Amino acid sequence: MKKAFLSFLAFTLFIFCQVQAAQVDTVEVNSAVMKKNLKVVVVRPAGYNTGKEFPVVYLLHGYSGNHANWVTKAPAIQQAADQYNMIIVCPDGGFSSWYWDSPVDPQSQFETYVSKELVAYVDKNYKSIKDRKGRGITGLSMGGHGALYLALKHQDVYGTAGSMSGGVDIRPFPNNWDMAKRLGTYAEQPERWEKNTVINMLHLLTPNSLSLIIDCGTEDFFYGVNENLHKELEYRKIPHDYISRPGAHNWPYWENAVQHQLLFMNTYFKKK
């Protein structure tokens, strides 16, 4: 009898945990500008079915990644979605888009896709807060660049933005990560490179226009450019959180970093 009761209790707890767990959708979203469908992971919090509207964090992958990276390599984001009662959206940003609207490649128009087409899709199909006060964006490496780049250009869309190990100044790396395929070479198109690097876009900010968090490990090859970004933000008196700690350009670092990013964004949403 006792064994049967314990089995029943274990089964009940299992069912309860399943009911309470975040739900992960993989959907296809059409991009009219690129004339193709792209996969997107959407993490819905456990309380989604009983809630009204939820804040949304757009979480971008890095170079050579895809839509599934975050949920497979840092699955704790599902628990964070439950804890903070938020929706987390992980788009496919292409192998090497850098989240620009490429002037060279019509099949790489990821600024328009992420900040217009995808946001519109999420707001239509999910119970999202349809206002910048309920939207954040962050990412790692190429996605860290992308998150800040998109947020700076679309402050009407996002209220908070972050970067983990972000390529926040592309100019020191003219031959890396297929960037020349998206912008043309730095030697031939210097204006494009100067215009489309995050550190040169800070004039778009006014104090507190965006809630910002930047994180980079001291052993990361992007550490120097992140330090420079931090100093430039300080010089311009732009409030921001800056995290610098031991760590390299890898998933163990980002698994930790994303928890800080989501906590930071949850605090912003709660204030708003």
C-alpha atoms as a PDB file:
ATOM      1  CA  MET A   1       0.000   0.000   0.000  1.00  0.00           C
ATOM      2  CA  LYS A   2       2.795   2.375   0.967  1.00  0.00           C
ATOM      3  CA  LYS A   3       4.686   1.582  -2.252  1.00  0.00           C
ATOM      4  CA  ALA A   4       1.558   2.247  -4.326  1.00  0.00           C
ATOM      5  CA  PHE A   5       1.015   5.561  -2.544  1.00  0.00           C
ATOM      6  CA  LEU A   6       4.613   6.639  -3.129  1.00  0.00           C
ATOM      7  CA  SER A   7       4.327   5.721  -6.817  1.00  0.00           C
ATOM      8  CA  PHE A   8       1.133   7.744  -7.073  1.00  0.00           C
ATOM      9  CA  LEU A   9       2.781  10.689  -5.304  1.00  0.00           C
ATOM     10  CA  ALA A  10       5.797  10.550  -7.628  1.00  0.00           C
ATOM     11  CA  PHE A  11       3.527  10.440 -10.670  1.00  0.00           C
ATOM     12  CA  THR A  12       1.491  13.383  -9.350  1.00  0.00           C
ATOM     13  CA  LEU A  13       4.644  15.421  -8.769  1.00  0.00           C
ATOM     14  CA  PHE A  14       5.880  14.556 -12.261  1.00  0.00           C
ATOM     15  CA  ILE A  15       2.612  15.721 -13.826  1.00  0.00           C
ATOM     16  CA  PHE A  16       2.656  18.872 -11.678  1.00  0.00           C
ATOM     17  CA  CYS A  17       6.206  19.703 -12.772  1.00  0.00           C
ATOM     18  CA  GLN A  18       5.290  19.160 -16.396  1.00  0.00           C
ATOM     19  CA  VAL A  19       2.278  21.450 -16.064  1.00  0.00           C
ATOM     20  CA  GLN A  20       4.371  24.106 -14.326  1.00  0.00           C
ATOM     21  CA  ALA A  21       7.275  23.978 -16.778  1.00  0.00           C
ATOM     22  CA  ALA A  22       7.869  26.528 -19.525  1.00  0.00           C
ATOM     23  CA  GLN A  23       6.629  25.521 -22.961  1.00  0.00           C
ATOM     24  CA  VAL A  24       9.000  25.654 -25.926  1.00  0.00           C
ATOM     25  CA  ASP A  25       7.541  26.294 -29.381  1.00  0.00           C
ATOM     26  CA  THR A  26       9.474  26.080 -32.632  1.00  0.00           C
ATOM     27  CA  VAL A  27       7.640  28.038 -35.311  1.00  0.00           C
ATOM     28  CA  GLU A  28       8.343  29.281 -38.805  1.00  0.00           C
ATOM     29  CA  VAL A  29       8.028  32.998 -39.453  1.00  0.00           C
ATOM     30  CA  ASN A  30       7.829  34.393 -42.940  1.00  0.00           C
ATOM     31  CA  SER A  31      10.102  37.242 -43.928  1.00  0.00           C
ATOM     32  CA  ALA A  32       8.540  39.204 -46.752  1.00  0.00           C
ATOM     33  CA  VAL A  33      11.693  41.258 -47.219  1.00  0.00           C
ATOM     34  CA  MET A  34      13.851  38.135 -47.682  1.00  0.00           C
ATOM     35  CA  LYS A  35      11.099  36.006 -49.272  1.00  0.00           C
ATOM     36  CA  LYS A  36      11.707  32.987 -47.046  1.00  0.00           C
ATOM     37  CA  ASN A  37      10.595  31.318 -43.819  1.00  0.00           C
ATOM     38  CA  LEU A  38      12.879  31.262 -40.792  1.00  0.00           C
ATOM     39  CA  LYS A  39      12.644  29.115 -37.673  1.00  0.00           C
ATOM     40  CA  VAL A  40      12.134  30.725 -34.281  1.00  0.00           C
ATOM     41  CA  VAL A  41      12.129  29.250 -30.782  1.00  0.00           C
ATOM     42  CA  VAL A  42       9.568  30.797 -28.437  1.00  0.00           C
ATOM     43  CA  VAL A  43       9.721  29.983 -24.725  1.00  0.00           C
ATOM     44  CA  ARG A  44       6.426  30.597 -22.929  1.00  0.00           C
ATOM     45  CA  PRO A  45       6.374  30.772 -19.124  1.00  0.00           C
ATOM     46  CA  ALA A  46       4.451  28.255 -17.049  1.00  0.00           C
ATOM     47  CA  GLY A  47       1.738  30.787 -16.243  1.00  0.00           C
ATOM     48  CA  TYR A  48       1.186  31.741 -19.881  1.00  0.00           C
ATOM     49  CA  ASN A  49      -2.288  30.246 -20.246  1.00  0.00           C
ATOM     50  CA  THR A  50      -3.633  32.023 -17.189  1.00  0.00           C
ATOM     51  CA  GLY A  51      -1.935  35.376 -17.760  1.00  0.00           C
ATOM     52  CA  LYS A  52      -2.918  38.364 -19.848  1.00  0.00           C
ATOM     53  CA  GLU A  53       0.190  39.975 -21.370  1.00  0.00           C
ATOM     54  CA  PHE A  54       3.871  39.205 -20.877  1.00  0.00           C
ATOM     55  CA  PRO A  55       7.121  41.072 -21.469  1.00  0.00           C
ATOM     56  CA  VAL A  56       9.295  39.670 -24.259  1.00  0.00           C
ATOM     57  CA  VAL A  57      13.067  39.293 -24.476  1.00  0.00           C
ATOM     58  CA  TYR A  58      14.534  38.684 -27.930  1.00  0.00           C
ATOM     59  CA  LEU A  59      17.639  36.542 -27.475  1.00  0.00           C
ATOM     60  CA  LEU A  60      20.082  36.496 -30.404  1.00  0.00           C
ATOM     61  CA  HIS A  61      22.641  33.814 -31.278  1.00  0.00           C
ATOM     62  CA  GLY A  62      26.205  34.304 -32.434  1.00  0.00           C
ATOM     63  CA  TYR A  63      28.143  33.732 -35.638  1.00  0.00           C
ATOM     64  CA  SER A  64      27.480  30.294 -37.208  1.00  0.00           C
ATOM     65  CA  GLY A  65      24.657  29.672 -34.727  1.00  0.00           C
ATOM     66  CA  ASN A  66      20.928  29.199 -35.171  1.00  0.00           C
ATOM     67  CA  HIS A  67      17.551  29.565 -33.492  1.00  0.00           C
ATOM     68  CA  ALA A  68      18.015  26.465 -31.295  1.00  0.00           C
ATOM     69  CA  ASN A  69      21.368  27.424 -29.740  1.00  0.00           C
ATOM     70  CA  TRP A  70      20.079  29.082 -26.606  1.00  0.00           C
ATOM     71  CA  VAL A  71      17.458  26.528 -25.650  1.00  0.00           C
ATOM     72  CA  THR A  72      19.826  23.593 -26.209  1.00  0.00           C
ATOM     73  CA  LYS A  73      23.100  25.019 -24.876  1.00  0.00           C
ATOM     74  CA  ALA A  74      21.659  27.141 -22.057  1.00  0.00           C
ATOM     75  CA  PRO A  75      18.383  25.362 -21.168  1.00  0.00           C
ATOM     76  CA  ALA A  76      18.148  27.237 -17.872  1.00  0.00           C
ATOM     77  CA  ILE A  77      16.568  30.089 -19.825  1.00  0.00           C
ATOM     78  CA  GLN A  78      13.351  28.054 -19.571  1.00  0.00           C
ATOM     79  CA  GLN A  79      13.438  28.293 -15.774  1.00  0.00           C
ATOM     80  CA  ALA A  80      14.201  32.006 -16.090  1.00  0.00           C
ATOM     81  CA  ALA A  81      11.119  32.443 -18.278  1.00  0.00           C
ATOM     82  CA  ASP A  82       9.065  30.844 -15.478  1.00  0.00           C
ATOM     83  CA  GLN A  83      10.774  32.780 -12.702  1.00  0.00           C
ATOM     84  CA  TYR A  84      10.334  36.169 -14.359  1.00  0.00           C
ATOM     85  CA  ASN A  85       7.053  35.379 -16.113  1.00  0.00           C
ATOM     86  CA  MET A  86       8.409  36.479 -19.492  1.00  0.00           C
ATOM     87  CA  ILE A  87       8.397  35.214 -23.067  1.00  0.00           C
ATOM     88  CA  ILE A  88      11.828  34.546 -24.593  1.00  0.00           C
ATOM     89  CA  VAL A  89      12.128  34.617 -28.389  1.00  0.00           C
ATOM     90  CA  CYS A  90      15.180  33.116 -30.115  1.00  0.00           C
ATOM     91  CA  PRO A  91      15.222  33.909 -33.844  1.00  0.00           C
ATOM     92  CA  ASP A  92      17.438  32.443 -36.509  1.00  0.00           C
ATOM     93  CA  GLY A  93      19.732  35.288 -37.495  1.00  0.00           C
ATOM     94  CA  GLY A  94      21.499  33.485 -40.312  1.00  0.00           C
ATOM     95  CA  PHE A  95      25.002  32.044 -40.290  1.00  0.00           C
ATOM     96  CA  SER A  96      26.721  35.431 -40.480  1.00  0.00           C
ATOM     97  CA  SER A  97      24.161  38.222 -40.869  1.00  0.00           C
ATOM     98  CA  TRP A  98      25.430  40.413 -38.015  1.00  0.00           C
ATOM     99  CA  TYR A  99      21.765  41.485 -37.915  1.00  0.00           C
ATOM    100  CA  TRP A 100      22.261  44.197 -40.515  1.00  0.00           C
ATOM    101  CA  ASP A 101      20.140  44.936 -43.546  1.00  0.00           C
ATOM    102  CA  SER A 102      22.970  44.072 -45.909  1.00  0.00           C
ATOM    103  CA  PRO A 103      23.464  46.507 -48.813  1.00  0.00           C
ATOM    104  CA  VAL A 104      25.247  43.651 -50.620  1.00  0.00           C
ATOM    105  CA  ASP A 105      23.070  40.584 -50.007  1.00  0.00           C
ATOM    106  CA  PRO A 106      19.269  40.811 -50.436  1.00  0.00           C
ATOM    107  CA  GLN A 107      18.940  37.487 -48.581  1.00  0.00           C
ATOM    108  CA  SER A 108      20.463  39.023 -45.448  1.00  0.00           C
ATOM    109  CA  GLN A 109      18.002  41.671 -44.271  1.00  0.00           C
ATOM    110  CA  PHE A 110      17.934  40.836 -40.594  1.00  0.00           C
ATOM    111  CA  GLU A 111      17.430  44.310 -39.155  1.00  0.00           C
ATOM    112  CA  THR A 112      14.049  44.516 -40.853  1.00  0.00           C
ATOM    113  CA  TYR A 113      13.263  40.883 -40.094  1.00  0.00           C
ATOM    114  CA  VAL A 114      13.987  40.935 -36.357  1.00  0.00           C
ATOM    115  CA  SER A 115      12.851  44.432 -35.402  1.00  0.00           C
ATOM    116  CA  LYS A 116       9.801  44.692 -37.666  1.00  0.00           C
ATOM    117  CA  GLU A 117       8.586  41.397 -39.116  1.00  0.00           C
ATOM    118  CA  LEU A 118       9.346  39.162 -36.134  1.00  0.00           C
ATOM    119  CA  VAL A 119       8.120  41.645 -33.530  1.00  0.00           C
ATOM    120  CA  ALA A 120       4.871  42.001 -35.492  1.00  0.00           C
ATOM    121  CA  TYR A 121       4.504  38.199 -35.642  1.00  0.00           C
ATOM    122  CA  VAL A 122       5.060  37.767 -31.907  1.00  0.00           C
ATOM    123  CA  ASP A 123       2.655  40.572 -31.037  1.00  0.00           C
ATOM    124  CA  LYS A 124      -0.006  39.034 -33.278  1.00  0.00           C
ATOM    125  CA  ASN A 125       0.373  35.414 -32.179  1.00  0.00           C
ATOM    126  CA  TYR A 126       1.403  35.622 -28.513  1.00  0.00           C
ATOM    127  CA  LYS A 127       0.142  37.409 -25.430  1.00  0.00           C
ATOM    128  CA  SER A 128       2.925  39.965 -25.452  1.00  0.00           C
ATOM    129  CA  ILE A 129       3.106  43.493 -24.087  1.00  0.00           C
ATOM    130  CA  LYS A 130       2.895  45.492 -27.300  1.00  0.00           C
ATOM    131  CA  ASP A 131       5.059  48.391 -26.198  1.00  0.00           C
ATOM    132  CA  ARG A 132       8.778  49.151 -25.847  1.00  0.00           C
ATOM    133  CA  LYS A 133       8.284  49.089 -22.075  1.00  0.00           C
ATOM    134  CA  GLY A 134       7.695  45.365 -22.367  1.00  0.00           C
ATOM    135  CA  ARG A 135      10.417  44.493 -24.883  1.00  0.00           C
ATOM    136  CA  GLY A 136      14.095  43.757 -24.436  1.00  0.00           C
ATOM    137  CA  ILE A 137      16.807  42.402 -26.716  1.00  0.00           C
ATOM    138  CA  THR A 138      20.178  40.826 -26.000  1.00  0.00           C
ATOM    139  CA  GLY A 139      22.549  38.278 -27.469  1.00  0.00           C
ATOM    140  CA  LEU A 140      26.027  36.811 -27.541  1.00  0.00           C
ATOM    141  CA  SER A 141      28.994  37.718 -29.755  1.00  0.00           C
ATOM    142  CA  MET A 142      27.529  38.554 -33.197  1.00  0.00           C
ATOM    143  CA  GLY A 143      24.188  38.646 -31.395  1.00  0.00           C
ATOM    144  CA  GLY A 144      25.555  41.032 -28.771  1.00  0.00           C
ATOM    145  CA  HIS A 145      26.465  43.416 -31.553  1.00  0.00           C
ATOM    146  CA  GLY A 146      23.083  42.756 -33.136  1.00  0.00           C
ATOM    147  CA  ALA A 147      21.101  43.430 -29.977  1.00  0.00           C
ATOM    148  CA  LEU A 148      22.728  46.796 -29.300  1.00  0.00           C
ATOM    149  CA  TYR A 149      22.701  47.733 -32.985  1.00  0.00           C
ATOM    150  CA  LEU A 150      18.976  47.024 -33.325  1.00  0.00           C
ATOM    151  CA  ALA A 151      18.066  48.646 -30.028  1.00  0.00           C
ATOM    152  CA  LEU A 152      19.996  51.822 -30.802  1.00  0.00           C
ATOM    153  CA  LYS A 153      18.297  52.123 -34.196  1.00  0.00           C
ATOM    154  CA  HIS A 154      14.836  51.121 -32.952  1.00  0.00           C
ATOM    155  CA  GLN A 155      14.353  52.754 -29.581  1.00  0.00           C
ATOM    156  CA  ASP A 156      10.640  52.929 -30.341  1.00  0.00           C
ATOM    157  CA  VAL A 157      10.612  49.088 -30.335  1.00  0.00           C
ATOM    158  CA  TYR A 158      12.905  48.152 -27.406  1.00  0.00           C
ATOM    159  CA  GLY A 159      13.142  49.678 -23.951  1.00  0.00           C
ATOM    160  CA  THR A 160      16.073  47.633 -22.700  1.00  0.00           C
ATOM    161  CA  ALA A 161      19.068  46.029 -24.422  1.00  0.00           C
ATOM    162  CA  GLY A 162      22.121  43.999 -23.560  1.00  0.00           C
ATOM    163  CA  SER A 163      25.206  42.343 -24.934  1.00  0.00           C
ATOM    164  CA  MET A 164      27.258  39.307 -23.883  1.00  0.00           C
ATOM    165  CA  SER A 165      30.778  39.106 -25.334  1.00  0.00           C
ATOM    166  CA  GLY A 166      29.548  41.359 -28.106  1.00  0.00           C
ATOM    167  CA  GLY A 167      31.441  42.442 -31.199  1.00  0.00           C
ATOM    168  CA  VAL A 168      30.616  46.033 -30.349  1.00  0.00           C
ATOM    169  CA  ASP A 169      33.338  47.474 -32.595  1.00  0.00           C
ATOM    170  CA  ILE A 170      33.764  45.593 -35.874  1.00  0.00           C
ATOM    171  CA  ARG A 171      36.578  47.715 -37.306  1.00  0.00           C
ATOM    172  CA  PRO A 172      39.511  45.860 -35.689  1.00  0.00           C
ATOM    173  CA  PHE A 173      38.334  42.649 -37.397  1.00  0.00           C
ATOM    174  CA  PRO A 174      37.990  43.489 -41.124  1.00  0.00           C
ATOM    175  CA  ASN A 175      38.713  39.939 -42.318  1.00  0.00           C
ATOM    176  CA  ASN A 176      36.696  37.989 -39.771  1.00  0.00           C
ATOM    177  CA  TRP A 177      33.324  36.249 -39.556  1.00  0.00           C
ATOM    178  CA  ASP A 178      32.086  37.032 -43.091  1.00  0.00           C
ATOM    179  CA  MET A 179      31.393  40.683 -42.263  1.00  0.00           C
ATOM    180  CA  ALA A 180      32.842  41.757 -45.614  1.00  0.00           C
ATOM    181  CA  LYS A 181      30.216  39.579 -47.324  1.00  0.00           C
ATOM    182  CA  ARG A 182      27.514  41.691 -45.693  1.00  0.00           C
ATOM    183  CA  LEU A 183      29.042  45.181 -45.982  1.00  0.00           C
ATOM    184  CA  GLY A 184      31.749  44.933 -48.630  1.00  0.00           C
ATOM    185  CA  THR A 185      35.373  45.119 -47.591  1.00  0.00           C
ATOM    186  CA  TYR A 186      36.520  47.710 -45.084  1.00  0.00           C
ATOM    187  CA  ALA A 187      39.121  48.961 -47.582  1.00  0.00           C
ATOM    188  CA  GLU A 188      36.484  49.548 -50.274  1.00  0.00           C
ATOM    189  CA  GLN A 189      33.519  50.547 -48.099  1.00  0.00           C
ATOM    190  CA  PRO A 190      34.940  52.289 -45.005  1.00  0.00           C
ATOM    191  CA  GLU A 191      31.825  54.457 -44.537  1.00  0.00           C
ATOM    192  CA  ARG A 192      29.614  51.384 -44.196  1.00  0.00           C
ATOM    193  CA  TRP A 193      31.869  49.920 -41.550  1.00  0.00           C
ATOM    194  CA  GLU A 194      32.086  53.177 -39.624  1.00  0.00           C
ATOM    195  CA  LYS A 195      28.319  53.679 -39.790  1.00  0.00           C
ATOM    196  CA  ASN A 196      27.330  50.124 -38.826  1.00  0.00           C
ATOM    197  CA  THR A 197      29.497  49.534 -35.774  1.00  0.00           C
ATOM    198  CA  VAL A 198      27.866  49.946 -32.360  1.00  0.00           C
ATOM    199  CA  ILE A 199      30.544  52.124 -30.784  1.00  0.00           C
ATOM    200  CA  ASN A 200      29.981  54.785 -33.465  1.00  0.00           C
ATOM    201  CA  MET A 201      26.208  54.858 -32.879  1.00  0.00           C
ATOM    202  CA  LEU A 202      26.169  56.191 -29.330  1.00  0.00           C
ATOM    203  CA  HIS A 203      25.102  59.625 -30.549  1.00  0.00           C
ATOM    204  CA  LEU A 204      21.656  58.046 -30.982  1.00  0.00           C
ATOM    205  CA  LEU A 205      21.361  57.699 -27.207  1.00  0.00           C
ATOM    206  CA  THR A 206      20.273  60.200 -24.606  1.00  0.00           C
ATOM    207  CA  PRO A 207      20.650  59.436 -20.885  1.00  0.00           C
ATOM    208  CA  ASN A 208      18.142  56.744 -19.848  1.00  0.00           C
ATOM    209  CA  SER A 209      16.607  56.438 -23.316  1.00  0.00           C
ATOM    210  CA  LEU A 210      17.597  52.756 -23.205  1.00  0.00           C
ATOM    211  CA  SER A 211      18.206  50.565 -20.173  1.00  0.00           C
ATOM    212  CA  LEU A 212      21.571  48.951 -20.977  1.00  0.00           C
ATOM    213  CA  ILE A 213      23.618  46.014 -19.684  1.00  0.00           C
ATOM    214  CA  ILE A 214      26.982  44.976 -21.173  1.00  0.00           C
ATOM    215  CA  ASP A 215      28.974  41.904 -20.136  1.00  0.00           C
ATOM    216  CA  CYS A 216      32.318  40.557 -21.347  1.00  0.00           C
ATOM    217  CA  GLY A 217      34.934  38.192 -19.926  1.00  0.00           C
ATOM    218  CA  THR A 218      38.482  39.395 -19.379  1.00  0.00           C
ATOM    219  CA  GLU A 219      39.933  36.567 -21.501  1.00  0.00           C
ATOM    220  CA  ASP A 220      37.588  37.256 -24.418  1.00  0.00           C
ATOM    221  CA  PHE A 221      39.018  38.530 -27.713  1.00  0.00           C
ATOM    222  CA  PHE A 222      36.230  41.154 -27.645  1.00  0.00           C
ATOM    223  CA  TYR A 223      37.209  42.365 -24.172  1.00  0.00           C
ATOM    224  CA  GLY A 224      39.124  45.392 -25.441  1.00  0.00           C
ATOM    225  CA  VAL A 225      36.297  46.725 -27.595  1.00  0.00           C
ATOM    226  CA  ASN A 226      33.813  46.224 -24.743  1.00  0.00           C
ATOM    227  CA  GLU A 227      36.062  48.141 -22.375  1.00  0.00           C
ATOM    228  CA  ASN A 228      36.201  50.952 -24.938  1.00  0.00           C
ATOM    229  CA  LEU A 229      32.408  50.945 -25.273  1.00  0.00           C
ATOM    230  CA  HIS A 230      32.005  51.127 -21.504  1.00  0.00           C
ATOM    231  CA  LYS A 231      34.404  54.083 -21.288  1.00  0.00           C
ATOM    232  CA  GLU A 232      32.668  55.893 -24.145  1.00  0.00           C
ATOM    233  CA  LEU A 233      29.280  55.430 -22.470  1.00  0.00           C
ATOM    234  CA  GLU A 234      30.758  56.820 -19.250  1.00  0.00           C
ATOM    235  CA  TYR A 235      32.212  59.780 -21.133  1.00  0.00           C
ATOM    236  CA  ARG A 236      28.791  60.517 -22.613  1.00  0.00           C
ATOM    237  CA  LYS A 237      27.172  60.052 -19.191  1.00  0.00           C
ATOM    238  CA  ILE A 238      24.913  57.268 -20.458  1.00  0.00           C
ATOM    239  CA  PRO A 239      23.827  55.102 -17.495  1.00  0.00           C
ATOM    240  CA  HIS A 240      24.475  51.379 -17.979  1.00  0.00           C
ATOM    241  CA  ASP A 241      25.424  48.231 -16.123  1.00  0.00           C
ATOM    242  CA  TYR A 242      28.841  46.880 -17.061  1.00  0.00           C
ATOM    243  CA  ILE A 243      30.021  43.430 -15.986  1.00  0.00           C
ATOM    244  CA  SER A 244      33.642  42.417 -16.433  1.00  0.00           C
ATOM    245  CA  ARG A 245      34.797  39.146 -14.880  1.00  0.00           C
ATOM    246  CA  PRO A 246      37.103  36.219 -15.637  1.00  0.00           C
ATOM    247  CA  GLY A 247      35.903  34.230 -18.609  1.00  0.00           C
ATOM    248  CA  ALA A 248      36.376  33.506 -22.288  1.00  0.00           C
ATOM    249  CA  HIS A 249      34.274  33.438 -25.438  1.00  0.00           C
ATOM    250  CA  ASN A 250      32.366  30.248 -24.726  1.00  0.00           C
ATOM    251  CA  TRP A 251      29.096  28.702 -23.584  1.00  0.00           C
ATOM    252  CA  PRO A 252      30.026  28.258 -19.918  1.00  0.00           C
ATOM    253  CA  TYR A 253      30.437  32.040 -19.780  1.00  0.00           C
ATOM    254  CA  TRP A 254      27.175  32.757 -21.631  1.00  0.00           C
ATOM    255  CA  GLU A 255      25.147  30.295 -19.546  1.00  0.00           C
ATOM    256  CA  ASN A 256      26.062  32.435 -16.573  1.00  0.00           C
ATOM    257  CA  ALA A 257      25.843  35.791 -18.338  1.00  0.00           C
ATOM    258  CA  VAL A 258      22.324  35.283 -19.674  1.00  0.00           C
ATOM    259  CA  GLN A 259      21.003  34.929 -16.125  1.00  0.00           C
ATOM    260  CA  HIS A 260      22.308  38.422 -15.305  1.00  0.00           C
ATOM    261  CA  GLN A 261      20.800  39.793 -18.509  1.00  0.00           C
ATOM    262  CA  LEU A 262      17.340  38.350 -17.858  1.00  0.00           C
ATOM    263  CA  LEU A 263      17.368  39.509 -14.216  1.00  0.00           C
ATOM    264  CA  PHE A 264      18.345  43.006 -15.363  1.00  0.00           C
ATOM    265  CA  MET A 265      15.557  43.087 -17.948  1.00  0.00           C
ATOM    266  CA  ASN A 266      13.000  41.730 -15.498  1.00  0.00           C
ATOM    267  CA  THR A 267      13.869  44.583 -13.136  1.00  0.00           C
ATOM    268  CA  TYR A 268      13.298  47.051 -15.980  1.00  0.00           C
ATOM    269  CA  PHE A 269       9.933  45.497 -16.852  1.00  0.00           C
ATOM    270  CA  LYS A 270       8.795  45.570 -13.235  1.00  0.00           C
ATOM    271  CA  LYS A 271       9.644  49.250 -12.921  1.00  0.00           C
ATOM    272  CA  LYS A 272       7.672  50.026 -16.059  1.00  0.00           C
END
